[in-house]
Amino acid sequence: MTNPYLALVETHAALLQKTDAPLFADLSTLTPAKDTAAADAPVVAIFAPHPDDECIIGALPLRLQREAGHRVVNVAVTQGSNVPRKAERWAELKNACDYLAWGLRETIPGGLEGVNCKTRDGDAAAWAAKVDVIVGILNELKPAVVVCPNDNDGHAAHIGTHYLVLDALKKAGHACLVVQSEFWRAMATPNALIGSNSVDTADLIAALACHVGEVQRNPYHLRLTSWMADNVRRGAEVVGGAGVAAPSFSFGTIYRIDRFDGQQLVASEKKYVLSEQDDVRAIFA
């Protein structure tokens, strides 16, 4: 008997090895979304350690924009460590954010450097200056939701960005919802699995394909659906509960959603498994 799963595996492998998937050095072949948020719409601020992180973990911000009328602003904490590539990465990032109709903010020209725990622990003055930059952005945007990596996300700049944002929130005394994301390492205690429909998922991939130089080096845009599908597998039990039936949606992203009260992060006891049809505003309940 022929293995009935061979065709499934070969079809999946062919998708992952596509050589004709387009990359977008400009938006001439794409139709960017329109910014329909009201002038006074609540703001979702994504603090992305690198250009491209905003697309990878952008499922919840995208749903808040499209379904709840929020305005999304991506704050480019750094522009990568490769100095000759910084200008190019900024142009790619702008294309990605323009495609999704997200605002884009620079921290300082060229992005912050040394956003890591080594600086935080060993150079108080340099760290304080970086915190002040983020405080200024928080005071300007007054975000209702802040998205940043978790404190163990497996990359020095991701972990550094977590502490940079939390330190700035405390210094600013800013109360908001804090959404911690994961990419390089799974969180120990996530509490949200947010489903994405096919349109949102495809739009995140197209935006990621705007980061041409990065996905030429490593075509992780083609693997985003695999990662999001595995999030559903894992999130079904680490968020939904051990032994529960898996949700029926195909693509999801895992987060930790808590509230910052102006001085500290207050852990939530709630858990959220939201399908594409569920009201995304449930995270505010």
Protein backbone atom coordinates (compact mmCIF):
# COMPACT_ATOMS: atom_id res chain seq x y z
CA MET A 1 0.00 0.00 0.00
CA THR A 2 1.34 3.43 -0.92
CA ASN A 3 1.70 5.71 2.07
CA PRO A 4 -1.41 7.95 1.84
CA TYR A 5 0.49 10.86 3.40
CA LEU A 6 3.26 10.97 0.81
CA ALA A 7 1.29 13.30 -1.47
CA LEU A 8 0.55 15.59 1.47
CA VAL A 9 4.25 15.81 2.37
CA GLU A 10 5.36 16.37 -1.21
CA THR A 11 2.75 19.10 -1.75
CA HIS A 12 3.87 20.86 1.41
CA ALA A 13 7.53 20.53 0.47
CA ALA A 14 6.84 22.02 -2.96
CA LEU A 15 5.23 25.07 -1.35
CA LEU A 16 8.23 25.57 0.93
CA GLN A 17 10.64 25.33 -1.98
CA LYS A 18 8.83 27.71 -4.33
CA THR A 19 11.22 29.67 -6.51
CA ASP A 20 8.60 31.85 -8.20
CA ALA A 21 7.17 33.46 -5.05
CA PRO A 22 7.39 37.22 -5.67
CA LEU A 23 9.35 39.63 -3.51
CA PHE A 24 8.33 43.26 -3.31
CA ALA A 25 11.10 45.84 -3.56
CA ASP A 26 8.35 48.39 -4.18
CA LEU A 27 4.55 48.37 -4.00
CA SER A 28 3.88 48.77 -7.73
CA THR A 29 2.52 45.24 -8.02
CA LEU A 30 0.59 45.33 -4.75
CA THR A 31 -2.49 47.22 -3.65
CA PRO A 32 -1.73 48.65 -0.21
CA ALA A 33 -4.48 48.76 2.40
CA LYS A 34 -6.08 52.09 3.20
CA ASP A 35 -5.81 53.65 6.61
CA THR A 36 -9.42 53.88 7.76
CA ALA A 37 -8.76 54.46 11.48
CA ALA A 38 -10.43 57.47 13.04
CA ALA A 39 -8.18 60.32 14.10
CA ASP A 40 -8.85 59.52 17.75
CA ALA A 41 -8.66 55.73 17.37
CA PRO A 42 -6.85 53.78 20.10
CA VAL A 43 -3.24 53.10 19.18
CA VAL A 44 -1.49 49.74 19.06
CA ALA A 45 2.27 50.35 19.28
CA ILE A 46 4.49 47.49 18.12
CA PHE A 47 8.05 47.77 19.45
CA ALA A 48 9.89 45.63 16.92
CA PRO A 49 13.49 44.66 17.68
CA HIS A 50 14.30 44.39 13.96
CA PRO A 51 12.65 45.26 10.67
CA ASP A 52 10.49 42.20 9.76
CA ASP A 53 9.54 41.26 13.35
CA GLU A 54 6.44 43.44 12.99
CA CYS A 55 5.10 41.18 10.23
CA ILE A 56 5.99 37.89 11.88
CA ILE A 57 4.12 38.64 15.12
CA GLY A 58 1.60 41.05 13.62
CA ALA A 59 -1.54 38.92 13.64
CA LEU A 60 -3.19 40.48 16.69
CA PRO A 61 -2.34 44.10 15.76
CA LEU A 62 -3.72 43.46 12.26
CA ARG A 63 -7.00 42.14 13.66
CA LEU A 64 -7.29 45.06 16.08
CA GLN A 65 -6.82 47.39 13.12
CA ARG A 66 -9.24 45.67 10.76
CA GLU A 67 -11.90 44.51 13.18
CA ALA A 68 -11.79 47.02 16.04
CA GLY A 69 -10.70 50.20 14.26
CA HIS A 70 -7.40 50.66 16.09
CA ARG A 71 -4.47 52.53 14.58
CA VAL A 72 -1.27 50.46 14.42
CA VAL A 73 2.13 52.14 14.65
CA ASN A 74 5.31 50.14 14.28
CA VAL A 75 8.24 51.52 16.27
CA ALA A 76 11.51 50.35 14.72
CA VAL A 77 13.62 49.94 17.85
CA THR A 78 16.69 49.01 15.81
CA GLN A 79 17.32 48.80 12.10
CA GLY A 80 19.52 45.73 12.38
CA SER A 81 23.21 45.40 13.15
CA ASN A 82 24.48 45.41 9.56
CA VAL A 83 25.32 49.09 9.08
CA PRO A 84 25.56 49.03 5.25
CA ARG A 85 22.09 47.43 5.11
CA LYS A 86 20.33 49.91 7.42
CA ALA A 87 19.07 52.31 4.77
CA GLU A 88 17.87 49.44 2.62
CA ARG A 89 16.17 47.75 5.55
CA TRP A 90 14.41 51.00 6.43
CA ALA A 91 13.06 51.26 2.86
CA GLU A 92 11.89 47.64 3.00
CA LEU A 93 10.26 48.25 6.36
CA LYS A 94 8.43 51.30 5.04
CA ASN A 95 7.06 49.24 2.15
CA ALA A 96 5.87 46.55 4.57
CA CYS A 97 4.14 49.04 6.86
CA ASP A 98 2.66 50.98 3.94
CA TYR A 99 1.20 47.77 2.55
CA LEU A 100 -0.56 47.06 5.85
CA ALA A 101 -1.51 50.73 6.38
CA TRP A 102 0.53 50.84 9.57
CA GLY A 103 2.28 53.91 10.81
CA LEU A 104 6.05 53.78 11.17
CA ARG A 105 8.25 55.52 13.72
CA GLU A 106 12.02 55.66 13.97
CA THR A 107 13.53 55.71 17.44
CA ILE A 108 16.59 57.70 16.38
CA PRO A 109 18.15 58.01 12.91
CA GLY A 110 19.50 54.58 12.04
CA GLY A 111 17.84 52.98 15.06
CA LEU A 112 19.10 52.32 18.55
CA GLU A 113 22.27 50.30 19.14
CA GLY A 114 23.17 48.01 22.02
CA VAL A 115 19.60 47.13 22.95
CA ASN A 116 20.48 44.19 25.16
CA CYS A 117 20.85 43.19 28.78
CA LYS A 118 24.62 43.72 28.64
CA THR A 119 24.01 47.44 28.16
CA ARG A 120 21.19 47.49 30.68
CA ASP A 121 23.33 45.83 33.36
CA GLY A 122 26.68 47.44 32.54
CA ASP A 123 26.09 50.97 31.22
CA ALA A 124 23.37 52.73 33.19
CA ALA A 125 23.77 56.07 31.41
CA ALA A 126 23.53 54.59 27.90
CA TRP A 127 20.52 52.52 28.90
CA ALA A 128 18.77 55.50 30.48
CA ALA A 129 19.20 57.45 27.25
CA LYS A 130 17.54 54.65 25.28
CA VAL A 131 14.71 54.45 27.81
CA ASP A 132 14.14 58.19 27.44
CA VAL A 133 13.75 57.78 23.69
CA ILE A 134 10.99 55.20 24.22
CA VAL A 135 9.37 57.32 26.94
CA GLY A 136 9.10 60.16 24.45
CA ILE A 137 7.37 57.87 21.93
CA LEU A 138 5.00 56.53 24.59
CA ASN A 139 4.10 60.05 25.66
CA GLU A 140 3.42 60.99 22.05
CA LEU A 141 1.45 57.93 20.96
CA LYS A 142 -0.29 57.14 24.28
CA PRO A 143 -0.92 53.58 23.12
CA ALA A 144 -3.80 51.53 24.48
CA VAL A 145 -1.87 48.39 23.53
CA VAL A 146 1.90 47.86 23.53
CA VAL A 147 3.37 44.83 21.76
CA CYS A 148 6.92 43.71 22.55
CA PRO A 149 8.89 40.46 22.77
CA ASN A 150 8.78 38.35 25.92
CA ASP A 151 11.70 38.39 28.35
CA ASN A 152 13.16 35.08 27.14
CA ASP A 153 12.70 35.30 23.38
CA GLY A 154 16.00 33.70 22.49
CA HIS A 155 17.74 36.70 20.91
CA ALA A 156 19.67 39.40 22.76
CA ALA A 157 17.93 42.27 20.95
CA HIS A 158 14.49 40.75 21.51
CA ILE A 159 15.12 40.31 25.21
CA GLY A 160 16.68 43.77 25.39
CA THR A 161 13.64 45.28 23.68
CA HIS A 162 11.38 43.66 26.27
CA TYR A 163 13.22 45.30 29.15
CA LEU A 164 13.62 48.59 27.28
CA VAL A 165 9.86 48.84 26.78
CA LEU A 166 8.97 47.76 30.32
CA ASP A 167 11.49 50.20 31.81
CA ALA A 168 10.08 52.99 29.64
CA LEU A 169 6.48 52.17 30.58
CA LYS A 170 7.43 52.43 34.24
CA LYS A 171 9.32 55.69 33.81
CA ALA A 172 6.44 57.15 31.80
CA GLY A 173 3.87 55.85 34.29
CA HIS A 174 1.85 54.68 31.31
CA ALA A 175 -1.01 52.22 31.87
CA CYS A 176 -1.96 49.99 28.95
CA LEU A 177 -2.43 46.44 27.78
CA VAL A 178 0.92 44.73 27.19
CA VAL A 179 1.05 41.97 24.60
CA GLN A 180 4.22 39.90 24.73
CA SER A 181 5.16 38.03 21.57
CA GLU A 182 7.38 35.04 20.86
CA PHE A 183 9.44 33.96 17.89
CA TRP A 184 12.93 32.66 18.67
CA ARG A 185 11.84 30.82 21.80
CA ALA A 186 8.47 29.65 23.05
CA MET A 187 7.08 31.36 26.14
CA ALA A 188 6.66 29.31 29.28
CA THR A 189 3.24 30.74 30.16
CA PRO A 190 1.41 32.19 27.15
CA ASN A 191 -2.25 32.98 27.65
CA ALA A 192 -3.53 33.82 24.17
CA LEU A 193 -3.86 31.99 20.87
CA ILE A 194 -5.18 34.37 18.24
CA GLY A 195 -6.45 32.88 14.99
CA SER A 196 -5.90 34.53 11.61
CA ASN A 197 -8.07 34.15 8.53
CA SER A 198 -6.57 33.42 5.13
CA VAL A 199 -6.64 37.05 3.97
CA ASP A 200 -4.84 38.35 7.05
CA THR A 201 -2.29 35.55 6.86
CA ALA A 202 -1.60 36.21 3.18
CA ASP A 203 -1.25 39.94 3.87
CA LEU A 204 1.29 39.30 6.62
CA ILE A 205 3.28 37.12 4.20
CA ALA A 206 3.13 39.77 1.46
CA ALA A 207 4.32 42.40 3.92
CA LEU A 208 7.11 40.08 5.03
CA ALA A 209 8.06 39.61 1.36
CA CYS A 210 8.72 43.38 1.27
CA HIS A 211 11.80 42.66 3.42
CA VAL A 212 13.56 41.52 0.27
CA GLY A 213 17.12 41.29 1.51
CA GLU A 214 16.16 39.28 4.57
CA VAL A 215 13.94 36.69 2.88
CA GLN A 216 16.44 36.23 0.05
CA ARG A 217 18.90 35.17 2.72
CA ASN A 218 16.37 32.98 4.51
CA PRO A 219 12.92 32.51 2.89
CA TYR A 220 11.02 32.50 6.15
CA HIS A 221 8.06 34.23 4.51
CA LEU A 222 7.32 30.87 2.85
CA ARG A 223 7.45 29.17 6.24
CA LEU A 224 5.21 31.60 8.12
CA THR A 225 2.13 29.46 7.57
CA SER A 226 3.99 26.39 8.92
CA TRP A 227 4.94 28.32 12.07
CA MET A 228 1.40 29.65 12.49
CA ALA A 229 -0.06 26.17 12.00
CA ASP A 230 2.28 24.79 14.66
CA ASN A 231 1.22 27.62 16.97
CA VAL A 232 -2.32 26.24 16.74
CA ARG A 233 -1.08 22.75 17.62
CA ARG A 234 0.89 23.97 20.60
CA GLY A 235 -1.42 26.77 21.66
CA ALA A 236 -4.40 24.44 21.76
CA GLU A 237 -2.98 22.83 24.89
CA VAL A 238 -0.57 25.35 26.44
CA VAL A 239 -3.28 28.02 26.28
CA GLY A 240 -6.52 26.10 25.92
CA GLY A 241 -5.57 23.38 28.39
CA ALA A 242 -3.96 19.95 28.32
CA GLY A 243 -6.07 17.39 26.54
CA VAL A 244 -8.62 19.80 25.09
CA ALA A 245 -9.78 19.52 21.50
CA ALA A 246 -7.75 21.63 19.10
CA PRO A 247 -9.43 24.69 17.56
CA SER A 248 -10.55 24.31 13.97
CA PHE A 249 -8.71 27.34 12.55
CA SER A 250 -5.53 26.71 10.57
CA PHE A 251 -3.30 29.65 11.46
CA GLY A 252 -2.63 31.30 14.82
CA THR A 253 -0.14 33.33 16.81
CA ILE A 254 0.69 32.88 20.49
CA TYR A 255 0.96 35.81 22.90
CA ARG A 256 0.97 36.72 26.58
CA ILE A 257 -1.58 39.47 27.34
CA ASP A 258 -1.34 41.34 30.65
CA ARG A 259 -1.92 44.86 31.93
CA PHE A 260 0.69 47.40 32.91
CA ASP A 261 -0.79 49.52 35.71
CA GLY A 262 1.66 52.41 35.34
CA GLN A 263 4.28 50.91 37.64
CA GLN A 264 4.41 47.20 37.02
CA LEU A 265 3.12 44.38 34.88
CA VAL A 266 0.05 42.79 36.44
CA ALA A 267 -0.33 39.19 35.35
CA SER A 268 -3.71 38.24 33.97
CA GLU A 269 -5.47 35.05 35.00
CA LYS A 270 -7.50 35.03 31.79
CA LYS A 271 -6.83 32.87 28.76
CA TYR A 272 -7.91 33.62 25.22
CA VAL A 273 -8.38 31.24 22.32
CA LEU A 274 -9.94 33.40 19.60
CA SER A 275 -10.93 32.06 16.22
CA GLU A 276 -11.26 34.23 13.13
CA GLN A 277 -14.97 34.67 13.90
CA ASP A 278 -14.56 35.65 17.57
CA ASP A 279 -14.63 39.29 18.65
CA VAL A 280 -10.99 40.32 19.02
CA ARG A 281 -12.07 43.00 21.52
CA ALA A 282 -12.48 40.20 24.03
CA ILE A 283 -8.84 40.80 25.00
CA PHE A 284 -9.98 44.02 26.67
CA ALA A 285 -12.73 42.37 28.72
